[in-house]
Amino acid sequence: MGLLSRIFGSRQSRPAGPPVQEIEVHFGYGSTNYQHLFALEDVLRRVMSDSAVGKYEGHDVTADGSDAYFYLYGPDAEAIYRVISPVLADSSLMRGATVTMWFGPRKWRTPKRVIHLPA
């Protein structure tokens, strides 16, 4: 094994398959009662599982409950958005939310698309 292979890893050790793309949904939550957040999370998890376009990874919420994030991953961010957009449109929590689609690993120059949902 050469020096560069030891530093960066060999080609054989790299994961095979399509590149992973990400969707981040950022929204104002405004509560420390997470009941509604968990209910929407369950719907997103079920829709993602049924459609097989990717995986629902989880959520983050600020300590005061003011802001929250959902994270979804898969080989095609546009396909994921097509699946979850009806769910987002039906939820009052998503008024004014921002959906960011990352078309590859999240880095400085990774292409992305930002969608602002109506308030």
PDB file of N, CA and C in Angstrom:
ATOM      1  N   MET A   1       0.856  -1.173   0.000  1.00  0.00           N
ATOM      2  CA  MET A   1       0.000   0.000   0.000  1.00  0.00           C
ATOM      3  C   MET A   1       0.898   1.230   0.000  1.00  0.00           C
ATOM      4  N   GLY A   2       0.623   2.165  -0.896  1.00  0.00           N
ATOM      5  CA  GLY A   2       1.408   3.386  -1.010  1.00  0.00           C
ATOM      6  C   GLY A   2       1.054   4.405   0.055  1.00  0.00           C
ATOM      7  N   LEU A   3       1.846   5.437   0.125  1.00  0.00           N
ATOM      8  CA  LEU A   3       1.642   6.493   1.112  1.00  0.00           C
ATOM      9  C   LEU A   3       0.284   7.180   0.931  1.00  0.00           C
ATOM     10  N   LEU A   4      -0.072   7.518  -0.311  1.00  0.00           N
ATOM     11  CA  LEU A   4      -1.360   8.189  -0.546  1.00  0.00           C
ATOM     12  C   LEU A   4      -2.536   7.284  -0.210  1.00  0.00           C
ATOM     13  N   SER A   5      -2.405   5.994  -0.477  1.00  0.00           N
ATOM     14  CA  SER A   5      -3.477   5.059  -0.129  1.00  0.00           C
ATOM     15  C   SER A   5      -3.656   4.971   1.379  1.00  0.00           C
ATOM     16  N   ARG A   6      -2.557   5.040   2.116  1.00  0.00           N
ATOM     17  CA  ARG A   6      -2.663   5.007   3.575  1.00  0.00           C
ATOM     18  C   ARG A   6      -3.321   6.277   4.123  1.00  0.00           C
ATOM     19  N   ILE A   7      -3.064   7.398   3.480  1.00  0.00           N
ATOM     20  CA  ILE A   7      -3.629   8.668   3.945  1.00  0.00           C
ATOM     21  C   ILE A   7      -5.096   8.796   3.550  1.00  0.00           C
ATOM     22  N   PHE A   8      -5.397   8.545   2.273  1.00  0.00           N
ATOM     23  CA  PHE A   8      -6.748   8.782   1.760  1.00  0.00           C
ATOM     24  C   PHE A   8      -7.591   7.519   1.646  1.00  0.00           C
ATOM     25  N   GLY A   9      -7.005   6.366   1.857  1.00  0.00           N
ATOM     26  CA  GLY A   9      -7.734   5.114   1.711  1.00  0.00           C
ATOM     27  C   GLY A   9      -7.648   4.619   0.282  1.00  0.00           C
ATOM     28  N   SER A  10      -7.763   3.329   0.118  1.00  0.00           N
ATOM     29  CA  SER A  10      -7.675   2.749  -1.225  1.00  0.00           C
ATOM     30  C   SER A  10      -9.009   2.854  -1.926  1.00  0.00           C
ATOM     31  N   ARG A  11      -8.986   2.666  -3.226  1.00  0.00           N
ATOM     32  CA  ARG A  11     -10.232   2.709  -3.993  1.00  0.00           C
ATOM     33  C   ARG A  11     -11.177   1.595  -3.579  1.00  0.00           C
ATOM     34  N   GLN A  12     -10.637   0.470  -3.161  1.00  0.00           N
ATOM     35  CA  GLN A  12     -11.469  -0.654  -2.742  1.00  0.00           C
ATOM     36  C   GLN A  12     -12.218  -0.352  -1.442  1.00  0.00           C
ATOM     37  N   SER A  13     -11.686   0.526  -0.595  1.00  0.00           N
ATOM     38  CA  SER A  13     -12.329   0.823   0.682  1.00  0.00           C
ATOM     39  C   SER A  13     -13.417   1.883   0.566  1.00  0.00           C
ATOM     40  N   ARG A  14     -13.553   2.520  -0.580  1.00  0.00           N
ATOM     41  CA  ARG A  14     -14.586   3.539  -0.760  1.00  0.00           C
ATOM     42  C   ARG A  14     -15.946   2.873  -0.930  1.00  0.00           C
ATOM     43  N   PRO A  15     -16.997   3.462  -0.393  1.00  0.00           N
ATOM     44  CA  PRO A  15     -18.318   2.858  -0.537  1.00  0.00           C
ATOM     45  C   PRO A  15     -18.771   2.849  -1.997  1.00  0.00           C
ATOM     46  N   ALA A  16     -19.387   1.757  -2.384  1.00  0.00           N
ATOM     47  CA  ALA A  16     -19.914   1.644  -3.747  1.00  0.00           C
ATOM     48  C   ALA A  16     -21.336   2.183  -3.783  1.00  0.00           C
ATOM     49  N   GLY A  17     -21.822   2.508  -4.962  1.00  0.00           N
ATOM     50  CA  GLY A  17     -23.197   2.950  -5.110  1.00  0.00           C
ATOM     51  C   GLY A  17     -23.284   4.431  -5.420  1.00  0.00           C
ATOM     52  N   PRO A  18     -24.493   4.907  -5.580  1.00  0.00           N
ATOM     53  CA  PRO A  18     -24.699   6.308  -5.936  1.00  0.00           C
ATOM     54  C   PRO A  18     -24.309   7.231  -4.784  1.00  0.00           C
ATOM     55  N   PRO A  19     -23.953   8.464  -5.104  1.00  0.00           N
ATOM     56  CA  PRO A  19     -23.602   9.407  -4.038  1.00  0.00           C
ATOM     57  C   PRO A  19     -24.823   9.732  -3.182  1.00  0.00           C
ATOM     58  N   VAL A  20     -24.568   9.982  -1.931  1.00  0.00           N
ATOM     59  CA  VAL A  20     -25.646  10.307  -1.007  1.00  0.00           C
ATOM     60  C   VAL A  20     -25.974  11.791  -1.115  1.00  0.00           C
ATOM     61  N   GLN A  21     -27.258  12.077  -1.233  1.00  0.00           N
ATOM     62  CA  GLN A  21     -27.735  13.453  -1.256  1.00  0.00           C
ATOM     63  C   GLN A  21     -28.593  13.666  -0.009  1.00  0.00           C
ATOM     64  N   GLU A  22     -28.755  14.918   0.379  1.00  0.00           N
ATOM     65  CA  GLU A  22     -29.414  15.212   1.645  1.00  0.00           C
ATOM     66  C   GLU A  22     -30.484  16.282   1.473  1.00  0.00           C
ATOM     67  N   ILE A  23     -31.521  16.148   2.273  1.00  0.00           N
ATOM     68  CA  ILE A  23     -32.518  17.208   2.418  1.00  0.00           C
ATOM     69  C   ILE A  23     -32.570  17.592   3.885  1.00  0.00           C
ATOM     70  N   GLU A  24     -32.487  18.904   4.114  1.00  0.00           N
ATOM     71  CA  GLU A  24     -32.635  19.441   5.460  1.00  0.00           C
ATOM     72  C   GLU A  24     -33.863  20.343   5.449  1.00  0.00           C
ATOM     73  N   VAL A  25     -34.794  20.081   6.352  1.00  0.00           N
ATOM     74  CA  VAL A  25     -35.991  20.912   6.488  1.00  0.00           C
ATOM     75  C   VAL A  25     -35.841  21.695   7.790  1.00  0.00           C
ATOM     76  N   HIS A  26     -35.760  23.026   7.687  1.00  0.00           N
ATOM     77  CA  HIS A  26     -35.611  23.891   8.853  1.00  0.00           C
ATOM     78  C   HIS A  26     -36.919  24.656   9.052  1.00  0.00           C
ATOM     79  N   PHE A  27     -37.426  24.629  10.271  1.00  0.00           N
ATOM     80  CA  PHE A  27     -38.691  25.317  10.536  1.00  0.00           C
ATOM     81  C   PHE A  27     -38.722  25.833  11.964  1.00  0.00           C
ATOM     82  N   GLY A  28     -39.529  26.855  12.170  1.00  0.00           N
ATOM     83  CA  GLY A  28     -39.752  27.389  13.504  1.00  0.00           C
ATOM     84  C   GLY A  28     -40.761  26.515  14.215  1.00  0.00           C
ATOM     85  N   TYR A  29     -40.383  25.971  15.371  1.00  0.00           N
ATOM     86  CA  TYR A  29     -41.301  25.094  16.100  1.00  0.00           C
ATOM     87  C   TYR A  29     -42.015  25.861  17.201  1.00  0.00           C
ATOM     88  N   GLY A  30     -41.273  26.497  18.098  1.00  0.00           N
ATOM     89  CA  GLY A  30     -41.877  27.381  19.084  1.00  0.00           C
ATOM     90  C   GLY A  30     -42.487  26.728  20.295  1.00  0.00           C
ATOM     91  N   SER A  31     -42.034  25.533  20.668  1.00  0.00           N
ATOM     92  CA  SER A  31     -42.588  24.873  21.841  1.00  0.00           C
ATOM     93  C   SER A  31     -41.598  23.830  22.354  1.00  0.00           C
ATOM     94  N   THR A  32     -41.701  23.528  23.639  1.00  0.00           N
ATOM     95  CA  THR A  32     -40.919  22.422  24.187  1.00  0.00           C
ATOM     96  C   THR A  32     -41.792  21.177  24.345  1.00  0.00           C
ATOM     97  N   ASN A  33     -43.027  21.254  23.899  1.00  0.00           N
ATOM     98  CA  ASN A  33     -43.906  20.085  23.817  1.00  0.00           C
ATOM     99  C   ASN A  33     -43.699  19.496  22.422  1.00  0.00           C
ATOM    100  N   TYR A  34     -43.017  18.370  22.354  1.00  0.00           N
ATOM    101  CA  TYR A  34     -42.601  17.812  21.067  1.00  0.00           C
ATOM    102  C   TYR A  34     -43.603  16.842  20.452  1.00  0.00           C
ATOM    103  N   GLN A  35     -44.788  16.781  20.967  1.00  0.00           N
ATOM    104  CA  GLN A  35     -45.821  15.849  20.485  1.00  0.00           C
ATOM    105  C   GLN A  35     -46.087  16.021  18.987  1.00  0.00           C
ATOM    106  N   HIS A  36     -46.271  17.237  18.520  1.00  0.00           N
ATOM    107  CA  HIS A  36     -46.588  17.477  17.108  1.00  0.00           C
ATOM    108  C   HIS A  36     -45.376  17.220  16.210  1.00  0.00           C
ATOM    109  N   LEU A  37     -44.197  17.540  16.706  1.00  0.00           N
ATOM    110  CA  LEU A  37     -42.974  17.264  15.960  1.00  0.00           C
ATOM    111  C   LEU A  37     -42.809  15.753  15.767  1.00  0.00           C
ATOM    112  N   PHE A  38     -43.026  14.978  16.838  1.00  0.00           N
ATOM    113  CA  PHE A  38     -42.900  13.523  16.741  1.00  0.00           C
ATOM    114  C   PHE A  38     -43.953  12.927  15.809  1.00  0.00           C
ATOM    115  N   ALA A  39     -45.163  13.487  15.816  1.00  0.00           N
ATOM    116  CA  ALA A  39     -46.212  12.991  14.927  1.00  0.00           C
ATOM    117  C   ALA A  39     -45.850  13.216  13.461  1.00  0.00           C
ATOM    118  N   LEU A  40     -45.341  14.405  13.142  1.00  0.00           N
ATOM    119  CA  LEU A  40     -44.918  14.685  11.770  1.00  0.00           C
ATOM    120  C   LEU A  40     -43.720  13.824  11.396  1.00  0.00           C
ATOM    121  N   GLU A  41     -42.817  13.617  12.324  1.00  0.00           N
ATOM    122  CA  GLU A  41     -41.666  12.748  12.091  1.00  0.00           C
ATOM    123  C   GLU A  41     -42.113  11.326  11.732  1.00  0.00           C
ATOM    124  N   ASP A  42     -43.118  10.815  12.429  1.00  0.00           N
ATOM    125  CA  ASP A  42     -43.640   9.473  12.122  1.00  0.00           C
ATOM    126  C   ASP A  42     -44.191   9.397  10.700  1.00  0.00           C
ATOM    127  N   VAL A  43     -44.890  10.446  10.272  1.00  0.00           N
ATOM    128  CA  VAL A  43     -45.441  10.478   8.912  1.00  0.00           C
ATOM    129  C   VAL A  43     -44.309  10.502   7.885  1.00  0.00           C
ATOM    130  N   LEU A  44     -43.299  11.337   8.109  1.00  0.00           N
ATOM    131  CA  LEU A  44     -42.166  11.397   7.186  1.00  0.00           C
ATOM    132  C   LEU A  44     -41.433  10.058   7.120  1.00  0.00           C
ATOM    133  N   ARG A  45     -41.231   9.436   8.256  1.00  0.00           N
ATOM    134  CA  ARG A  45     -40.558   8.140   8.294  1.00  0.00           C
ATOM    135  C   ARG A  45     -41.351   7.091   7.499  1.00  0.00           C
ATOM    136  N   ARG A  46     -42.671   7.079   7.672  1.00  0.00           N
ATOM    137  CA  ARG A  46     -43.511   6.108   6.970  1.00  0.00           C
ATOM    138  C   ARG A  46     -43.513   6.363   5.457  1.00  0.00           C
ATOM    139  N   VAL A  47     -43.635   7.619   5.052  1.00  0.00           N
ATOM    140  CA  VAL A  47     -43.651   7.966   3.629  1.00  0.00           C
ATOM    141  C   VAL A  47     -42.324   7.589   2.973  1.00  0.00           C
ATOM    142  N   MET A  48     -41.232   7.865   3.658  1.00  0.00           N
ATOM    143  CA  MET A  48     -39.914   7.517   3.116  1.00  0.00           C
ATOM    144  C   MET A  48     -39.752   6.013   3.009  1.00  0.00           C
ATOM    145  N   SER A  49     -40.200   5.295   4.001  1.00  0.00           N
ATOM    146  CA  SER A  49     -40.093   3.838   3.979  1.00  0.00           C
ATOM    147  C   SER A  49     -40.947   3.233   2.872  1.00  0.00           C
ATOM    148  N   ASP A  50     -42.168   3.726   2.718  1.00  0.00           N
ATOM    149  CA  ASP A  50     -43.079   3.205   1.687  1.00  0.00           C
ATOM    150  C   ASP A  50     -42.587   3.506   0.278  1.00  0.00           C
ATOM    151  N   SER A  51     -41.950   4.647   0.078  1.00  0.00           N
ATOM    152  CA  SER A  51     -41.543   5.051  -1.264  1.00  0.00           C
ATOM    153  C   SER A  51     -40.190   4.474  -1.674  1.00  0.00           C
ATOM    154  N   ALA A  52     -39.364   4.111  -0.713  1.00  0.00           N
ATOM    155  CA  ALA A  52     -38.030   3.548  -0.961  1.00  0.00           C
ATOM    156  C   ALA A  52     -37.130   4.489  -1.770  1.00  0.00           C
ATOM    157  N   VAL A  53     -37.302   5.819  -1.607  1.00  0.00           N
ATOM    158  CA  VAL A  53     -36.432   6.774  -2.308  1.00  0.00           C
ATOM    159  C   VAL A  53     -35.265   7.215  -1.442  1.00  0.00           C
ATOM    160  N   GLY A  54     -35.287   6.845  -0.184  1.00  0.00           N
ATOM    161  CA  GLY A  54     -34.231   7.259   0.717  1.00  0.00           C
ATOM    162  C   GLY A  54     -34.568   6.886   2.138  1.00  0.00           C
ATOM    163  N   LYS A  55     -33.947   7.603   3.074  1.00  0.00           N
ATOM    164  CA  LYS A  55     -34.077   7.273   4.483  1.00  0.00           C
ATOM    165  C   LYS A  55     -34.311   8.534   5.299  1.00  0.00           C
ATOM    166  N   TYR A  56     -35.247   8.465   6.216  1.00  0.00           N
ATOM    167  CA  TYR A  56     -35.422   9.534   7.194  1.00  0.00           C
ATOM    168  C   TYR A  56     -34.372   9.311   8.269  1.00  0.00           C
ATOM    169  N   GLU A  57     -33.525  10.306   8.496  1.00  0.00           N
ATOM    170  CA  GLU A  57     -32.405  10.129   9.428  1.00  0.00           C
ATOM    171  C   GLU A  57     -32.724  10.589  10.841  1.00  0.00           C
ATOM    172  N   GLY A  58     -33.489  11.676  10.995  1.00  0.00           N
ATOM    173  CA  GLY A  58     -33.790  12.140  12.336  1.00  0.00           C
ATOM    174  C   GLY A  58     -34.073  13.627  12.372  1.00  0.00           C
ATOM    175  N   HIS A  59     -34.059  14.170  13.592  1.00  0.00           N
ATOM    176  CA  HIS A  59     -34.363  15.582  13.779  1.00  0.00           C
ATOM    177  C   HIS A  59     -33.414  16.196  14.808  1.00  0.00           C
ATOM    178  N   ASP A  60     -33.360  17.504  14.804  1.00  0.00           N
ATOM    179  CA  ASP A  60     -32.682  18.292  15.831  1.00  0.00           C
ATOM    180  C   ASP A  60     -33.653  19.391  16.242  1.00  0.00           C
ATOM    181  N   VAL A  61     -33.637  19.718  17.527  1.00  0.00           N
ATOM    182  CA  VAL A  61     -34.469  20.802  18.047  1.00  0.00           C
ATOM    183  C   VAL A  61     -33.612  21.623  19.002  1.00  0.00           C
ATOM    184  N   THR A  62     -33.714  22.935  18.907  1.00  0.00           N
ATOM    185  CA  THR A  62     -32.984  23.786  19.846  1.00  0.00           C
ATOM    186  C   THR A  62     -33.515  23.561  21.258  1.00  0.00           C
ATOM    187  N   ALA A  63     -32.710  23.880  22.249  1.00  0.00           N
ATOM    188  CA  ALA A  63     -33.066  23.621  23.643  1.00  0.00           C
ATOM    189  C   ALA A  63     -34.366  24.320  24.046  1.00  0.00           C
ATOM    190  N   ASP A  64     -34.604  25.517  23.504  1.00  0.00           N
ATOM    191  CA  ASP A  64     -35.831  26.240  23.863  1.00  0.00           C
ATOM    192  C   ASP A  64     -37.006  25.894  22.956  1.00  0.00           C
ATOM    193  N   GLY A  65     -36.788  24.990  21.992  1.00  0.00           N
ATOM    194  CA  GLY A  65     -37.866  24.560  21.103  1.00  0.00           C
ATOM    195  C   GLY A  65     -38.203  25.541  20.001  1.00  0.00           C
ATOM    196  N   SER A  66     -37.414  26.603  19.841  1.00  0.00           N
ATOM    197  CA  SER A  66     -37.758  27.620  18.851  1.00  0.00           C
ATOM    198  C   SER A  66     -37.550  27.148  17.414  1.00  0.00           C
ATOM    199  N   ASP A  67     -36.488  26.424  17.142  1.00  0.00           N
ATOM    200  CA  ASP A  67     -36.181  25.952  15.793  1.00  0.00           C
ATOM    201  C   ASP A  67     -36.018  24.439  15.791  1.00  0.00           C
ATOM    202  N   ALA A  68     -36.372  23.842  14.644  1.00  0.00           N
ATOM    203  CA  ALA A  68     -36.227  22.390  14.502  1.00  0.00           C
ATOM    204  C   ALA A  68     -35.788  22.067  13.081  1.00  0.00           C
ATOM    205  N   TYR A  69     -35.205  20.885  12.922  1.00  0.00           N
ATOM    206  CA  TYR A  69     -34.696  20.412  11.634  1.00  0.00           C
ATOM    207  C   TYR A  69     -35.070  18.949  11.461  1.00  0.00           C
ATOM    208  N   PHE A  70     -35.410  18.576  10.224  1.00  0.00           N
ATOM    209  CA  PHE A  70     -35.550  17.175   9.830  1.00  0.00           C
ATOM    210  C   PHE A  70     -34.459  16.891   8.813  1.00  0.00           C
ATOM    211  N   TYR A  71     -33.912  15.669   8.835  1.00  0.00           N
ATOM    212  CA  TYR A  71     -32.852  15.271   7.903  1.00  0.00           C
ATOM    213  C   TYR A  71     -33.257  13.999   7.172  1.00  0.00           C
ATOM    214  N   LEU A  72     -33.134  14.048   5.834  1.00  0.00           N
ATOM    215  CA  LEU A  72     -33.463  12.896   5.000  1.00  0.00           C
ATOM    216  C   LEU A  72     -32.337  12.695   3.997  1.00  0.00           C
ATOM    217  N   TYR A  73     -32.024  11.429   3.690  1.00  0.00           N
ATOM    218  CA  TYR A  73     -30.912  11.108   2.800  1.00  0.00           C
ATOM    219  C   TYR A  73     -31.348  10.100   1.753  1.00  0.00           C
ATOM    220  N   GLY A  74     -30.656  10.116   0.609  1.00  0.00           N
ATOM    221  CA  GLY A  74     -30.903   9.143  -0.442  1.00  0.00           C
ATOM    222  C   GLY A  74     -30.090   9.474  -1.669  1.00  0.00           C
ATOM    223  N   PRO A  75     -30.213   8.670  -2.712  1.00  0.00           N
ATOM    224  CA  PRO A  75     -29.427   8.900  -3.925  1.00  0.00           C
ATOM    225  C   PRO A  75     -29.932  10.059  -4.781  1.00  0.00           C
ATOM    226  N   ASP A  76     -31.173  10.532  -4.565  1.00  0.00           N
ATOM    227  CA  ASP A  76     -31.744  11.580  -5.403  1.00  0.00           C
ATOM    228  C   ASP A  76     -32.588  12.529  -4.545  1.00  0.00           C
ATOM    229  N   ALA A  77     -32.039  13.703  -4.233  1.00  0.00           N
ATOM    230  CA  ALA A  77     -32.737  14.671  -3.383  1.00  0.00           C
ATOM    231  C   ALA A  77     -34.048  15.141  -4.009  1.00  0.00           C
ATOM    232  N   GLU A  78     -34.077  15.286  -5.336  1.00  0.00           N
ATOM    233  CA  GLU A  78     -35.311  15.722  -6.009  1.00  0.00           C
ATOM    234  C   GLU A  78     -36.425  14.690  -5.822  1.00  0.00           C
ATOM    235  N   ALA A  79     -36.084  13.409  -5.911  1.00  0.00           N
ATOM    236  CA  ALA A  79     -37.077  12.342  -5.716  1.00  0.00           C
ATOM    237  C   ALA A  79     -37.598  12.347  -4.282  1.00  0.00           C
ATOM    238  N   ILE A  80     -36.703  12.570  -3.328  1.00  0.00           N
ATOM    239  CA  ILE A  80     -37.123  12.650  -1.928  1.00  0.00           C
ATOM    240  C   ILE A  80     -38.086  13.816  -1.744  1.00  0.00           C
ATOM    241  N   TYR A  81     -37.752  14.963  -2.309  1.00  0.00           N
ATOM    242  CA  TYR A  81     -38.617  16.138  -2.164  1.00  0.00           C
ATOM    243  C   TYR A  81     -39.997  15.897  -2.779  1.00  0.00           C
ATOM    244  N   ARG A  82     -40.041  15.229  -3.929  1.00  0.00           N
ATOM    245  CA  ARG A  82     -41.341  14.932  -4.540  1.00  0.00           C
ATOM    246  C   ARG A  82     -42.202  14.072  -3.619  1.00  0.00           C
ATOM    247  N   VAL A  83     -41.574  13.181  -2.871  1.00  0.00           N
ATOM    248  CA  VAL A  83     -42.309  12.298  -1.971  1.00  0.00           C
ATOM    249  C   VAL A  83     -42.773  13.039  -0.713  1.00  0.00           C
ATOM    250  N   ILE A  84     -41.918  13.886  -0.154  1.00  0.00           N
ATOM    251  CA  ILE A  84     -42.270  14.532   1.117  1.00  0.00           C
ATOM    252  C   ILE A  84     -43.017  15.846   0.956  1.00  0.00           C
ATOM    253  N   SER A  85     -43.005  16.451  -0.237  1.00  0.00           N
ATOM    254  CA  SER A  85     -43.637  17.766  -0.392  1.00  0.00           C
ATOM    255  C   SER A  85     -45.130  17.770  -0.054  1.00  0.00           C
ATOM    256  N   PRO A  86     -45.925  16.734  -0.397  1.00  0.00           N
ATOM    257  CA  PRO A  86     -47.331  16.763   0.033  1.00  0.00           C
ATOM    258  C   PRO A  86     -47.481  16.725   1.559  1.00  0.00           C
ATOM    259  N   VAL A  87     -46.606  16.003   2.238  1.00  0.00           N
ATOM    260  CA  VAL A  87     -46.642  15.940   3.699  1.00  0.00           C
ATOM    261  C   VAL A  87     -46.315  17.310   4.281  1.00  0.00           C
ATOM    262  N   LEU A  88     -45.289  17.955   3.735  1.00  0.00           N
ATOM    263  CA  LEU A  88     -44.914  19.278   4.217  1.00  0.00           C
ATOM    264  C   LEU A  88     -46.028  20.291   3.957  1.00  0.00           C
ATOM    265  N   ALA A  89     -46.655  20.210   2.795  1.00  0.00           N
ATOM    266  CA  ALA A  89     -47.725  21.151   2.449  1.00  0.00           C
ATOM    267  C   ALA A  89     -48.941  20.997   3.361  1.00  0.00           C
ATOM    268  N   ASP A  90     -49.196  19.776   3.835  1.00  0.00           N
ATOM    269  CA  ASP A  90     -50.360  19.517   4.699  1.00  0.00           C
ATOM    270  C   ASP A  90     -50.138  19.886   6.164  1.00  0.00           C
ATOM    271  N   SER A  91     -48.899  20.131   6.553  1.00  0.00           N
ATOM    272  CA  SER A  91     -48.598  20.390   7.961  1.00  0.00           C
ATOM    273  C   SER A  91     -48.521  21.884   8.257  1.00  0.00           C
ATOM    274  N   SER A  92     -49.248  22.315   9.273  1.00  0.00           N
ATOM    275  CA  SER A  92     -49.184  23.720   9.675  1.00  0.00           C
ATOM    276  C   SER A  92     -47.817  24.066  10.280  1.00  0.00           C
ATOM    277  N   LEU A  93     -47.068  23.080  10.745  1.00  0.00           N
ATOM    278  CA  LEU A  93     -45.722  23.326  11.267  1.00  0.00           C
ATOM    279  C   LEU A  93     -44.763  23.821  10.189  1.00  0.00           C
ATOM    280  N   MET A  94     -45.074  23.504   8.942  1.00  0.00           N
ATOM    281  CA  MET A  94     -44.156  23.812   7.843  1.00  0.00           C
ATOM    282  C   MET A  94     -44.379  25.184   7.218  1.00  0.00           C
ATOM    283  N   ARG A  95     -45.267  25.980   7.792  1.00  0.00           N
ATOM    284  CA  ARG A  95     -45.469  27.338   7.260  1.00  0.00           C
ATOM    285  C   ARG A  95     -44.197  28.152   7.447  1.00  0.00           C
ATOM    286  N   GLY A  96     -43.636  28.645   6.334  1.00  0.00           N
ATOM    287  CA  GLY A  96     -42.410  29.428   6.375  1.00  0.00           C
ATOM    288  C   GLY A  96     -41.141  28.604   6.503  1.00  0.00           C
ATOM    289  N   ALA A  97     -41.242  27.292   6.374  1.00  0.00           N
ATOM    290  CA  ALA A  97     -40.067  26.415   6.488  1.00  0.00           C
ATOM    291  C   ALA A  97     -39.136  26.595   5.291  1.00  0.00           C
ATOM    292  N   THR A  98     -37.888  26.204   5.478  1.00  0.00           N
ATOM    293  CA  THR A  98     -36.887  26.233   4.419  1.00  0.00           C
ATOM    294  C   THR A  98     -36.417  24.805   4.160  1.00  0.00           C
ATOM    295  N   VAL A  99     -36.493  24.383   2.909  1.00  0.00           N
ATOM    296  CA  VAL A  99     -36.032  23.062   2.510  1.00  0.00           C
ATOM    297  C   VAL A  99     -34.759  23.250   1.695  1.00  0.00           C
ATOM    298  N   THR A 100     -33.664  22.652   2.159  1.00  0.00           N
ATOM    299  CA  THR A 100     -32.392  22.735   1.449  1.00  0.00           C
ATOM    300  C   THR A 100     -32.036  21.354   0.929  1.00  0.00           C
ATOM    301  N   MET A 101     -31.840  21.256  -0.388  1.00  0.00           N
ATOM    302  CA  MET A 101     -31.445  19.998  -1.016  1.00  0.00           C
ATOM    303  C   MET A 101     -29.969  20.086  -1.355  1.00  0.00           C
ATOM    304  N   TRP A 102     -29.166  19.170  -0.832  1.00  0.00           N
ATOM    305  CA  TRP A 102     -27.732  19.088  -1.104  1.00  0.00           C
ATOM    306  C   TRP A 102     -27.528  17.958  -2.097  1.00  0.00           C
ATOM    307  N   PHE A 103     -26.937  18.253  -3.246  1.00  0.00           N
ATOM    308  CA  PHE A 103     -26.748  17.273  -4.312  1.00  0.00           C
ATOM    309  C   PHE A 103     -25.354  16.652  -4.231  1.00  0.00           C
ATOM    310  N   GLY A 104     -25.068  16.037  -3.129  1.00  0.00           N
ATOM    311  CA  GLY A 104     -23.785  15.407  -2.868  1.00  0.00           C
ATOM    312  C   GLY A 104     -23.418  15.628  -1.414  1.00  0.00           C
ATOM    313  N   PRO A 105     -22.217  15.184  -1.032  1.00  0.00           N
ATOM    314  CA  PRO A 105     -21.793  15.393   0.356  1.00  0.00           C
ATOM    315  C   PRO A 105     -21.760  16.883   0.683  1.00  0.00           C
ATOM    316  N   ARG A 106     -22.216  17.230   1.862  1.00  0.00           N
ATOM    317  CA  ARG A 106     -22.314  18.640   2.252  1.00  0.00           C
ATOM    318  C   ARG A 106     -20.912  19.218   2.450  1.00  0.00           C
ATOM    319  N   LYS A 107     -20.497  19.995   1.486  1.00  0.00           N
ATOM    320  CA  LYS A 107     -19.210  20.680   1.526  1.00  0.00           C
ATOM    321  C   LYS A 107     -19.407  22.090   0.995  1.00  0.00           C
ATOM    322  N   TRP A 108     -18.317  22.846   0.962  1.00  0.00           N
ATOM    323  CA  TRP A 108     -18.385  24.247   0.564  1.00  0.00           C
ATOM    324  C   TRP A 108     -18.932  24.420  -0.842  1.00  0.00           C
ATOM    325  N   ARG A 109     -18.513  23.617  -1.792  1.00  0.00           N
ATOM    326  CA  ARG A 109     -18.922  23.803  -3.192  1.00  0.00           C
ATOM    327  C   ARG A 109     -19.977  22.809  -3.662  1.00  0.00           C
ATOM    328  N   THR A 110     -20.566  22.077  -2.779  1.00  0.00           N
ATOM    329  CA  THR A 110     -21.599  21.126  -3.176  1.00  0.00           C
ATOM    330  C   THR A 110     -22.816  21.891  -3.687  1.00  0.00           C
ATOM    331  N   PRO A 111     -23.309  21.558  -4.869  1.00  0.00           N
ATOM    332  CA  PRO A 111     -24.519  22.235  -5.369  1.00  0.00           C
ATOM    333  C   PRO A 111     -25.700  22.002  -4.437  1.00  0.00           C
ATOM    334  N   LYS A 112     -26.515  23.031  -4.288  1.00  0.00           N
ATOM    335  CA  LYS A 112     -27.701  22.901  -3.460  1.00  0.00           C
ATOM    336  C   LYS A 112     -28.829  23.745  -4.031  1.00  0.00           C
ATOM    337  N   ARG A 113     -30.019  23.429  -3.607  1.00  0.00           N
ATOM    338  CA  ARG A 113     -31.217  24.184  -4.003  1.00  0.00           C
ATOM    339  C   ARG A 113     -31.999  24.471  -2.726  1.00  0.00           C
ATOM    340  N   VAL A 114     -32.423  25.710  -2.552  1.00  0.00           N
ATOM    341  CA  VAL A 114     -33.166  26.115  -1.366  1.00  0.00           C
ATOM    342  C   VAL A 114     -34.585  26.488  -1.779  1.00  0.00           C
ATOM    343  N   ILE A 115     -35.561  25.909  -1.077  1.00  0.00           N
ATOM    344  CA  ILE A 115     -36.972  26.187  -1.340  1.00  0.00           C
ATOM    345  C   ILE A 115     -37.580  26.767  -0.062  1.00  0.00           C
ATOM    346  N   HIS A 116     -38.237  27.916  -0.182  1.00  0.00           N
ATOM    347  CA  HIS A 116     -38.912  28.542   0.940  1.00  0.00           C
ATOM    348  C   HIS A 116     -40.405  28.231   0.809  1.00  0.00           C
ATOM    349  N   LEU A 117     -40.934  27.524   1.797  1.00  0.00           N
ATOM    350  CA  LEU A 117     -42.354  27.188   1.765  1.00  0.00           C
ATOM    351  C   LEU A 117     -43.179  28.411   2.187  1.00  0.00           C
ATOM    352  N   PRO A 118     -44.397  28.507   1.665  1.00  0.00           N
ATOM    353  CA  PRO A 118     -45.232  29.677   1.989  1.00  0.00           C
ATOM    354  C   PRO A 118     -45.517  29.784   3.487  1.00  0.00           C
ATOM    355  N   ALA A 119     -45.623  30.996   3.949  1.00  0.00           N
ATOM    356  CA  ALA A 119     -45.903  31.248   5.372  1.00  0.00           C
ATOM    357  C   ALA A 119     -47.385  31.160   5.662  1.00  0.00           C
TER     358      ALA A 119
END
